Amino acid sequence: MTSQSTVPASCLSATARHLVLSLWLAGIALSAQGQQVFKITGPDGKVTFSDKPPPNAPATVAGSVGNTGASAAPALPFELQQVVSKYPVTLYTTTNCGPCESGRRLLLQRGVPHAEKTVVTNDDLAAFSRISKEGGLPLLTIGGQQIKGFADTEWSAYLDAAGYPKQSALPATYRPAAPAPLSPLKIAPASAAAATGAAEEPAPAPRKRPTPPPSTDRNTNPAGIRF
């Protein structure tokens, strides 16, 4: 008589569950090698995995498989970071300015990270007068050095001396910051109230005090005549 060993049904169930779990984890690992897999936490706390980020990714994506956690902005090369920290570049421009456009183009072609400040309003001009006593645009500052007006050779020489590379070393995904007004716009209190929808009640008119009648000295004017 041949004896046959049997496996309890409970053990089979546990083995099957373990096999399914192993295959599922292996599938995620293989998928992560070929593409980015997003770990998504829903409003109810339920965690799911997908190869596509949801439309509101910043609010719901808790992390992603293989993500290093780096900032969305691309990091600059180490050598360029050192130069930028020592000699930051700022370009001051205005509207309808051909030399300003030429200076901007030079910085972009050379790959020089910089901030651009526009001088348009009276507040901008007042702020600019505290930066440059001579005036004139464009103005390029490299660290504490100011170069007024655009001259290709002069700007290039100062950039070379500061240590900026002659050719762009920026990452392909780098995008320069948008120009910003030199003097930020200020919202007047009345405009702020209108923006919030608050109704401003007119101030009440001052009440007129009654004019007292002129005093009459009946000793000198017994008839009480008024002029």
C-alpha atoms as a PDB file:
ATOM      1  CA  MET A   1       0.000   0.000   0.000  1.00  0.00           C
ATOM      2  CA  THR A   2       1.472   3.240  -1.102  1.00  0.00           C
ATOM      3  CA  SER A   3       1.160   6.132   1.330  1.00  0.00           C
ATOM      4  CA  GLN A   4       0.399   9.550  -0.055  1.00  0.00           C
ATOM      5  CA  SER A   5       1.167  12.748   1.829  1.00  0.00           C
ATOM      6  CA  THR A   6      -1.364  15.486   1.700  1.00  0.00           C
ATOM      7  CA  VAL A   7      -0.923  19.206   2.373  1.00  0.00           C
ATOM      8  CA  PRO A   8      -3.573  20.917   4.448  1.00  0.00           C
ATOM      9  CA  ALA A   9      -5.781  23.355   2.567  1.00  0.00           C
ATOM     10  CA  SER A  10      -4.737  26.162   4.902  1.00  0.00           C
ATOM     11  CA  CYS A  11      -1.070  25.673   3.931  1.00  0.00           C
ATOM     12  CA  LEU A  12      -1.939  25.752   0.251  1.00  0.00           C
ATOM     13  CA  SER A  13      -3.812  28.994   0.754  1.00  0.00           C
ATOM     14  CA  ALA A  14      -0.868  30.589   2.539  1.00  0.00           C
ATOM     15  CA  THR A  15       1.558  29.360  -0.134  1.00  0.00           C
ATOM     16  CA  ALA A  16      -0.634  30.732  -2.901  1.00  0.00           C
ATOM     17  CA  ARG A  17      -0.875  34.109  -1.229  1.00  0.00           C
ATOM     18  CA  HIS A  18       2.897  34.237  -0.791  1.00  0.00           C
ATOM     19  CA  LEU A  19       3.406  33.361  -4.458  1.00  0.00           C
ATOM     20  CA  VAL A  20       0.979  36.049  -5.653  1.00  0.00           C
ATOM     21  CA  LEU A  21       2.637  38.656  -3.425  1.00  0.00           C
ATOM     22  CA  SER A  22       6.104  37.725  -4.700  1.00  0.00           C
ATOM     23  CA  LEU A  23       4.997  37.970  -8.327  1.00  0.00           C
ATOM     24  CA  TRP A  24       3.355  41.349  -7.683  1.00  0.00           C
ATOM     25  CA  LEU A  25       6.486  42.775  -6.036  1.00  0.00           C
ATOM     26  CA  ALA A  26       8.661  41.386  -8.829  1.00  0.00           C
ATOM     27  CA  GLY A  27       6.403  43.024 -11.407  1.00  0.00           C
ATOM     28  CA  ILE A  28       6.771  46.395  -9.669  1.00  0.00           C
ATOM     29  CA  ALA A  29      10.558  46.024  -9.551  1.00  0.00           C
ATOM     30  CA  LEU A  30      10.767  45.175 -13.250  1.00  0.00           C
ATOM     31  CA  SER A  31       8.439  48.017 -14.121  1.00  0.00           C
ATOM     32  CA  ALA A  32      10.495  50.470 -12.033  1.00  0.00           C
ATOM     33  CA  GLN A  33      13.620  49.541 -13.967  1.00  0.00           C
ATOM     34  CA  GLY A  34      12.044  50.519 -17.270  1.00  0.00           C
ATOM     35  CA  GLN A  35      10.005  53.530 -16.219  1.00  0.00           C
ATOM     36  CA  GLN A  36       9.239  55.767 -13.273  1.00  0.00           C
ATOM     37  CA  VAL A  37       6.635  54.373 -10.896  1.00  0.00           C
ATOM     38  CA  PHE A  38       4.701  56.819  -8.730  1.00  0.00           C
ATOM     39  CA  LYS A  39       3.578  55.990  -5.228  1.00  0.00           C
ATOM     40  CA  ILE A  40       0.286  57.835  -4.788  1.00  0.00           C
ATOM     41  CA  THR A  41      -1.476  58.406  -1.488  1.00  0.00           C
ATOM     42  CA  GLY A  42      -5.174  59.133  -1.875  1.00  0.00           C
ATOM     43  CA  PRO A  43      -7.305  61.406   0.333  1.00  0.00           C
ATOM     44  CA  ASP A  44      -8.477  58.321   2.270  1.00  0.00           C
ATOM     45  CA  GLY A  45      -4.878  57.246   2.944  1.00  0.00           C
ATOM     46  CA  LYS A  46      -4.964  54.383   0.453  1.00  0.00           C
ATOM     47  CA  VAL A  47      -1.634  53.827  -1.320  1.00  0.00           C
ATOM     48  CA  THR A  48      -1.522  52.867  -5.006  1.00  0.00           C
ATOM     49  CA  PHE A  49       1.201  52.605  -7.644  1.00  0.00           C
ATOM     50  CA  SER A  50       1.049  53.964 -11.194  1.00  0.00           C
ATOM     51  CA  ASP A  51       3.389  54.744 -14.078  1.00  0.00           C
ATOM     52  CA  LYS A  52       1.589  58.059 -14.660  1.00  0.00           C
ATOM     53  CA  PRO A  53       1.384  60.940 -12.166  1.00  0.00           C
ATOM     54  CA  PRO A  54      -2.119  62.153 -11.309  1.00  0.00           C
ATOM     55  CA  PRO A  55      -3.244  65.572 -12.615  1.00  0.00           C
ATOM     56  CA  ASN A  56      -2.764  67.098  -9.158  1.00  0.00           C
ATOM     57  CA  ALA A  57       0.602  65.459  -8.622  1.00  0.00           C
ATOM     58  CA  PRO A  58       2.079  68.033  -6.198  1.00  0.00           C
ATOM     59  CA  ALA A  59      -0.816  67.519  -3.798  1.00  0.00           C
ATOM     60  CA  THR A  60      -1.192  63.736  -3.912  1.00  0.00           C
ATOM     61  CA  VAL A  61       2.131  62.155  -4.876  1.00  0.00           C
ATOM     62  CA  ALA A  62       3.868  61.067  -1.703  1.00  0.00           C
ATOM     63  CA  GLY A  63       6.975  59.903  -3.515  1.00  0.00           C
ATOM     64  CA  SER A  64       8.161  57.965  -6.531  1.00  0.00           C
ATOM     65  CA  VAL A  65      10.180  54.819  -6.910  1.00  0.00           C
ATOM     66  CA  GLY A  66      13.753  55.700  -7.832  1.00  0.00           C
ATOM     67  CA  ASN A  67      13.288  59.390  -7.073  1.00  0.00           C
ATOM     68  CA  THR A  68      16.312  60.876  -5.321  1.00  0.00           C
ATOM     69  CA  GLY A  69      14.243  63.645  -3.754  1.00  0.00           C
ATOM     70  CA  ALA A  70      16.170  66.377  -5.586  1.00  0.00           C
ATOM     71  CA  SER A  71      14.585  69.746  -6.266  1.00  0.00           C
ATOM     72  CA  ALA A  72      12.648  70.261  -9.467  1.00  0.00           C
ATOM     73  CA  ALA A  73      15.137  72.951 -10.496  1.00  0.00           C
ATOM     74  CA  PRO A  74      18.194  71.397 -12.164  1.00  0.00           C
ATOM     75  CA  ALA A  75      21.405  71.699 -10.160  1.00  0.00           C
ATOM     76  CA  LEU A  76      24.245  73.731 -11.614  1.00  0.00           C
ATOM     77  CA  PRO A  77      27.659  72.126 -12.158  1.00  0.00           C
ATOM     78  CA  PHE A  78      29.877  72.445  -9.095  1.00  0.00           C
ATOM     79  CA  GLU A  79      32.388  74.788 -10.733  1.00  0.00           C
ATOM     80  CA  LEU A  80      29.619  77.093 -11.927  1.00  0.00           C
ATOM     81  CA  GLN A  81      28.014  77.092  -8.487  1.00  0.00           C
ATOM     82  CA  GLN A  82      31.286  78.347  -7.008  1.00  0.00           C
ATOM     83  CA  VAL A  83      31.502  81.229  -9.478  1.00  0.00           C
ATOM     84  CA  VAL A  84      27.855  82.218  -9.003  1.00  0.00           C
ATOM     85  CA  SER A  85      28.228  82.260  -5.217  1.00  0.00           C
ATOM     86  CA  LYS A  86      31.292  84.549  -5.416  1.00  0.00           C
ATOM     87  CA  TYR A  87      30.280  86.804  -8.306  1.00  0.00           C
ATOM     88  CA  PRO A  88      26.484  86.844  -8.807  1.00  0.00           C
ATOM     89  CA  VAL A  89      25.340  88.556 -12.007  1.00  0.00           C
ATOM     90  CA  THR A  90      22.432  90.992 -12.274  1.00  0.00           C
ATOM     91  CA  LEU A  91      21.260  92.678 -15.471  1.00  0.00           C
ATOM     92  CA  TYR A  92      19.279  95.936 -15.307  1.00  0.00           C
ATOM     93  CA  THR A  93      17.201  96.652 -18.421  1.00  0.00           C
ATOM     94  CA  THR A  94      14.338  98.779 -19.660  1.00  0.00           C
ATOM     95  CA  THR A  95      11.782  98.595 -22.456  1.00  0.00           C
ATOM     96  CA  ASN A  96      12.532  99.395 -26.127  1.00  0.00           C
ATOM     97  CA  CYS A  97      16.270  99.088 -25.465  1.00  0.00           C
ATOM     98  CA  GLY A  98      18.370  97.488 -28.194  1.00  0.00           C
ATOM     99  CA  PRO A  99      21.599  97.322 -26.128  1.00  0.00           C
ATOM    100  CA  CYS A 100      19.609  95.710 -23.306  1.00  0.00           C
ATOM    101  CA  GLU A 101      18.470  92.968 -25.670  1.00  0.00           C
ATOM    102  CA  SER A 102      22.033  92.458 -26.915  1.00  0.00           C
ATOM    103  CA  GLY A 103      23.334  92.124 -23.372  1.00  0.00           C
ATOM    104  CA  ARG A 104      20.592  89.669 -22.463  1.00  0.00           C
ATOM    105  CA  ARG A 105      21.389  87.587 -25.551  1.00  0.00           C
ATOM    106  CA  LEU A 106      25.079  87.449 -24.644  1.00  0.00           C
ATOM    107  CA  LEU A 107      24.362  86.152 -21.152  1.00  0.00           C
ATOM    108  CA  LEU A 108      21.935  83.533 -22.445  1.00  0.00           C
ATOM    109  CA  GLN A 109      24.266  82.320 -25.189  1.00  0.00           C
ATOM    110  CA  ARG A 110      27.169  82.079 -22.770  1.00  0.00           C
ATOM    111  CA  GLY A 111      25.047  80.327 -20.152  1.00  0.00           C
ATOM    112  CA  VAL A 112      25.515  82.835 -17.346  1.00  0.00           C
ATOM    113  CA  PRO A 113      22.916  82.407 -14.573  1.00  0.00           C
ATOM    114  CA  HIS A 114      21.659  85.871 -13.737  1.00  0.00           C
ATOM    115  CA  ALA A 115      18.789  87.910 -12.374  1.00  0.00           C
ATOM    116  CA  GLU A 116      17.179  90.552 -14.574  1.00  0.00           C
ATOM    117  CA  LYS A 117      15.614  93.671 -13.074  1.00  0.00           C
ATOM    118  CA  THR A 118      13.530  96.010 -15.223  1.00  0.00           C
ATOM    119  CA  VAL A 119      13.551  99.784 -14.746  1.00  0.00           C
ATOM    120  CA  VAL A 120      10.268 101.185 -16.047  1.00  0.00           C
ATOM    121  CA  THR A 121       8.275 103.062 -13.400  1.00  0.00           C
ATOM    122  CA  ASN A 122       9.222 106.115 -11.362  1.00  0.00           C
ATOM    123  CA  ASP A 123       9.722 103.857  -8.341  1.00  0.00           C
ATOM    124  CA  ASP A 124      12.104 101.740 -10.422  1.00  0.00           C
ATOM    125  CA  LEU A 125      14.057 104.848 -11.417  1.00  0.00           C
ATOM    126  CA  ALA A 126      14.271 105.996  -7.802  1.00  0.00           C
ATOM    127  CA  ALA A 127      15.580 102.601  -6.733  1.00  0.00           C
ATOM    128  CA  PHE A 128      18.005 102.471  -9.669  1.00  0.00           C
ATOM    129  CA  SER A 129      19.433 105.893  -8.784  1.00  0.00           C
ATOM    130  CA  ARG A 130      20.539 104.439  -5.456  1.00  0.00           C
ATOM    131  CA  ILE A 131      22.393 101.635  -7.283  1.00  0.00           C
ATOM    132  CA  SER A 132      24.058 103.612 -10.064  1.00  0.00           C
ATOM    133  CA  LYS A 133      24.801 107.291  -9.630  1.00  0.00           C
ATOM    134  CA  GLU A 134      25.682 107.715 -13.305  1.00  0.00           C
ATOM    135  CA  GLY A 135      22.487 106.170 -14.660  1.00  0.00           C
ATOM    136  CA  GLY A 136      22.252 104.651 -18.096  1.00  0.00           C
ATOM    137  CA  LEU A 137      20.956 101.253 -19.175  1.00  0.00           C
ATOM    138  CA  PRO A 138      21.723  98.460 -19.542  1.00  0.00           C
ATOM    139  CA  LEU A 139      23.771  98.017 -16.398  1.00  0.00           C
ATOM    140  CA  LEU A 140      25.580  94.754 -15.630  1.00  0.00           C
ATOM    141  CA  THR A 141      26.821  93.937 -12.141  1.00  0.00           C
ATOM    142  CA  ILE A 142      29.251  91.059 -11.553  1.00  0.00           C
ATOM    143  CA  GLY A 143      29.723  90.808  -7.823  1.00  0.00           C
ATOM    144  CA  GLY A 144      30.519  94.385  -6.777  1.00  0.00           C
ATOM    145  CA  GLN A 145      31.668  95.462 -10.266  1.00  0.00           C
ATOM    146  CA  GLN A 146      29.335  97.651 -12.354  1.00  0.00           C
ATOM    147  CA  ILE A 147      29.597  97.879 -16.167  1.00  0.00           C
ATOM    148  CA  LYS A 148      27.420 100.606 -17.656  1.00  0.00           C
ATOM    149  CA  GLY A 149      26.230 100.231 -21.237  1.00  0.00           C
ATOM    150  CA  PHE A 150      26.707  97.203 -23.459  1.00  0.00           C
ATOM    151  CA  ALA A 151      30.004  96.327 -25.077  1.00  0.00           C
ATOM    152  CA  ASP A 152      30.533  92.722 -26.139  1.00  0.00           C
ATOM    153  CA  THR A 153      34.289  92.654 -25.548  1.00  0.00           C
ATOM    154  CA  GLU A 154      34.108  94.466 -22.206  1.00  0.00           C
ATOM    155  CA  TRP A 155      31.338  92.256 -20.810  1.00  0.00           C
ATOM    156  CA  SER A 156      33.145  89.118 -21.995  1.00  0.00           C
ATOM    157  CA  ALA A 157      36.410  90.240 -20.397  1.00  0.00           C
ATOM    158  CA  TYR A 158      34.761  90.814 -17.013  1.00  0.00           C
ATOM    159  CA  LEU A 159      32.927  87.479 -17.211  1.00  0.00           C
ATOM    160  CA  ASP A 160      36.209  85.742 -18.073  1.00  0.00           C
ATOM    161  CA  ALA A 161      37.945  87.376 -15.120  1.00  0.00           C
ATOM    162  CA  ALA A 162      35.152  86.257 -12.769  1.00  0.00           C
ATOM    163  CA  GLY A 163      35.588  82.663 -13.951  1.00  0.00           C
ATOM    164  CA  TYR A 164      32.406  82.135 -15.949  1.00  0.00           C
ATOM    165  CA  PRO A 165      32.862  79.528 -18.724  1.00  0.00           C
ATOM    166  CA  LYS A 166      33.091  80.813 -22.279  1.00  0.00           C
ATOM    167  CA  GLN A 167      30.503  78.266 -23.427  1.00  0.00           C
ATOM    168  CA  SER A 168      27.295  77.311 -21.654  1.00  0.00           C
ATOM    169  CA  ALA A 169      27.670  74.606 -19.015  1.00  0.00           C
ATOM    170  CA  LEU A 170      24.045  74.788 -17.923  1.00  0.00           C
ATOM    171  CA  PRO A 171      21.861  71.650 -17.844  1.00  0.00           C
ATOM    172  CA  ALA A 172      19.596  71.203 -20.852  1.00  0.00           C
ATOM    173  CA  THR A 173      16.517  71.654 -18.645  1.00  0.00           C
ATOM    174  CA  TYR A 174      17.730  74.938 -17.120  1.00  0.00           C
ATOM    175  CA  ARG A 175      15.413  77.914 -17.603  1.00  0.00           C
ATOM    176  CA  PRO A 176      16.383  81.466 -16.585  1.00  0.00           C
ATOM    177  CA  ALA A 177      14.181  83.349 -14.171  1.00  0.00           C
ATOM    178  CA  ALA A 178      11.702  85.789 -15.680  1.00  0.00           C
ATOM    179  CA  PRO A 179      12.571  89.519 -15.486  1.00  0.00           C
ATOM    180  CA  ALA A 180      11.155  91.253 -12.427  1.00  0.00           C
ATOM    181  CA  PRO A 181      10.540  94.947 -11.664  1.00  0.00           C
ATOM    182  CA  LEU A 182      13.321  96.560  -9.680  1.00  0.00           C
ATOM    183  CA  SER A 183      10.758  98.135  -7.354  1.00  0.00           C
ATOM    184  CA  PRO A 184       7.850  95.750  -6.621  1.00  0.00           C
ATOM    185  CA  LEU A 185       4.393  97.187  -7.179  1.00  0.00           C
ATOM    186  CA  LYS A 186       2.660  98.424  -4.055  1.00  0.00           C
ATOM    187  CA  ILE A 187      -1.100  98.059  -3.621  1.00  0.00           C
ATOM    188  CA  ALA A 188      -2.791 101.170  -2.276  1.00  0.00           C
ATOM    189  CA  PRO A 189      -5.137 100.644   0.707  1.00  0.00           C
ATOM    190  CA  ALA A 190      -8.163 101.663  -1.377  1.00  0.00           C
ATOM    191  CA  SER A 191      -7.217  99.198  -4.100  1.00  0.00           C
ATOM    192  CA  ALA A 192      -6.695  96.483  -1.528  1.00  0.00           C
ATOM    193  CA  ALA A 193     -10.144  97.093  -0.111  1.00  0.00           C
ATOM    194  CA  ALA A 194     -11.657  96.926  -3.587  1.00  0.00           C
ATOM    195  CA  ALA A 195      -9.766  93.704  -4.297  1.00  0.00           C
ATOM    196  CA  THR A 196     -11.269  92.073  -1.198  1.00  0.00           C
ATOM    197  CA  GLY A 197     -14.733  93.295  -2.107  1.00  0.00           C
ATOM    198  CA  ALA A 198     -15.042  95.442   0.990  1.00  0.00           C
ATOM    199  CA  ALA A 199     -17.424  98.356   0.515  1.00  0.00           C
ATOM    200  CA  GLU A 200     -15.962 101.597   1.746  1.00  0.00           C
ATOM    201  CA  GLU A 201     -18.624 103.799   3.343  1.00  0.00           C
ATOM    202  CA  PRO A 202     -18.314 107.543   2.764  1.00  0.00           C
ATOM    203  CA  ALA A 203     -17.346 109.566   5.782  1.00  0.00           C
ATOM    204  CA  PRO A 204     -20.310 111.364   7.360  1.00  0.00           C
ATOM    205  CA  ALA A 205     -20.520 115.064   6.611  1.00  0.00           C
ATOM    206  CA  PRO A 206     -19.649 117.277   9.594  1.00  0.00           C
ATOM    207  CA  ARG A 207     -22.671 118.671  11.359  1.00  0.00           C
ATOM    208  CA  LYS A 208     -23.046 122.409  11.241  1.00  0.00           C
ATOM    209  CA  ARG A 209     -23.289 124.036  14.588  1.00  0.00           C
ATOM    210  CA  PRO A 210     -26.046 126.684  14.804  1.00  0.00           C
ATOM    211  CA  THR A 211     -24.757 130.218  14.850  1.00  0.00           C
ATOM    212  CA  PRO A 212     -25.783 131.901  18.076  1.00  0.00           C
ATOM    213  CA  PRO A 213     -27.561 135.242  17.671  1.00  0.00           C
ATOM    214  CA  PRO A 214     -25.433 138.292  18.379  1.00  0.00           C
ATOM    215  CA  SER A 215     -25.640 139.451  21.928  1.00  0.00           C
ATOM    216  CA  THR A 216     -27.584 142.637  22.447  1.00  0.00           C
ATOM    217  CA  ASP A 217     -26.629 145.038  25.137  1.00  0.00           C
ATOM    218  CA  ARG A 218     -29.898 146.760  25.875  1.00  0.00           C
ATOM    219  CA  ASN A 219     -28.062 149.355  27.900  1.00  0.00           C
ATOM    220  CA  THR A 220     -26.363 150.735  24.783  1.00  0.00           C
ATOM    221  CA  ASN A 221     -29.104 149.663  22.350  1.00  0.00           C
ATOM    222  CA  PRO A 222     -32.377 149.878  24.152  1.00  0.00           C
ATOM    223  CA  ALA A 223     -34.468 149.394  21.003  1.00  0.00           C
ATOM    224  CA  GLY A 224     -32.734 146.058  20.223  1.00  0.00           C
ATOM    225  CA  ILE A 225     -31.971 147.035  16.604  1.00  0.00           C
ATOM    226  CA  ARG A 226     -29.818 144.560  14.670  1.00  0.00           C
ATOM    227  CA  PHE A 227     -27.598 145.504  11.706  1.00  0.00           C
END
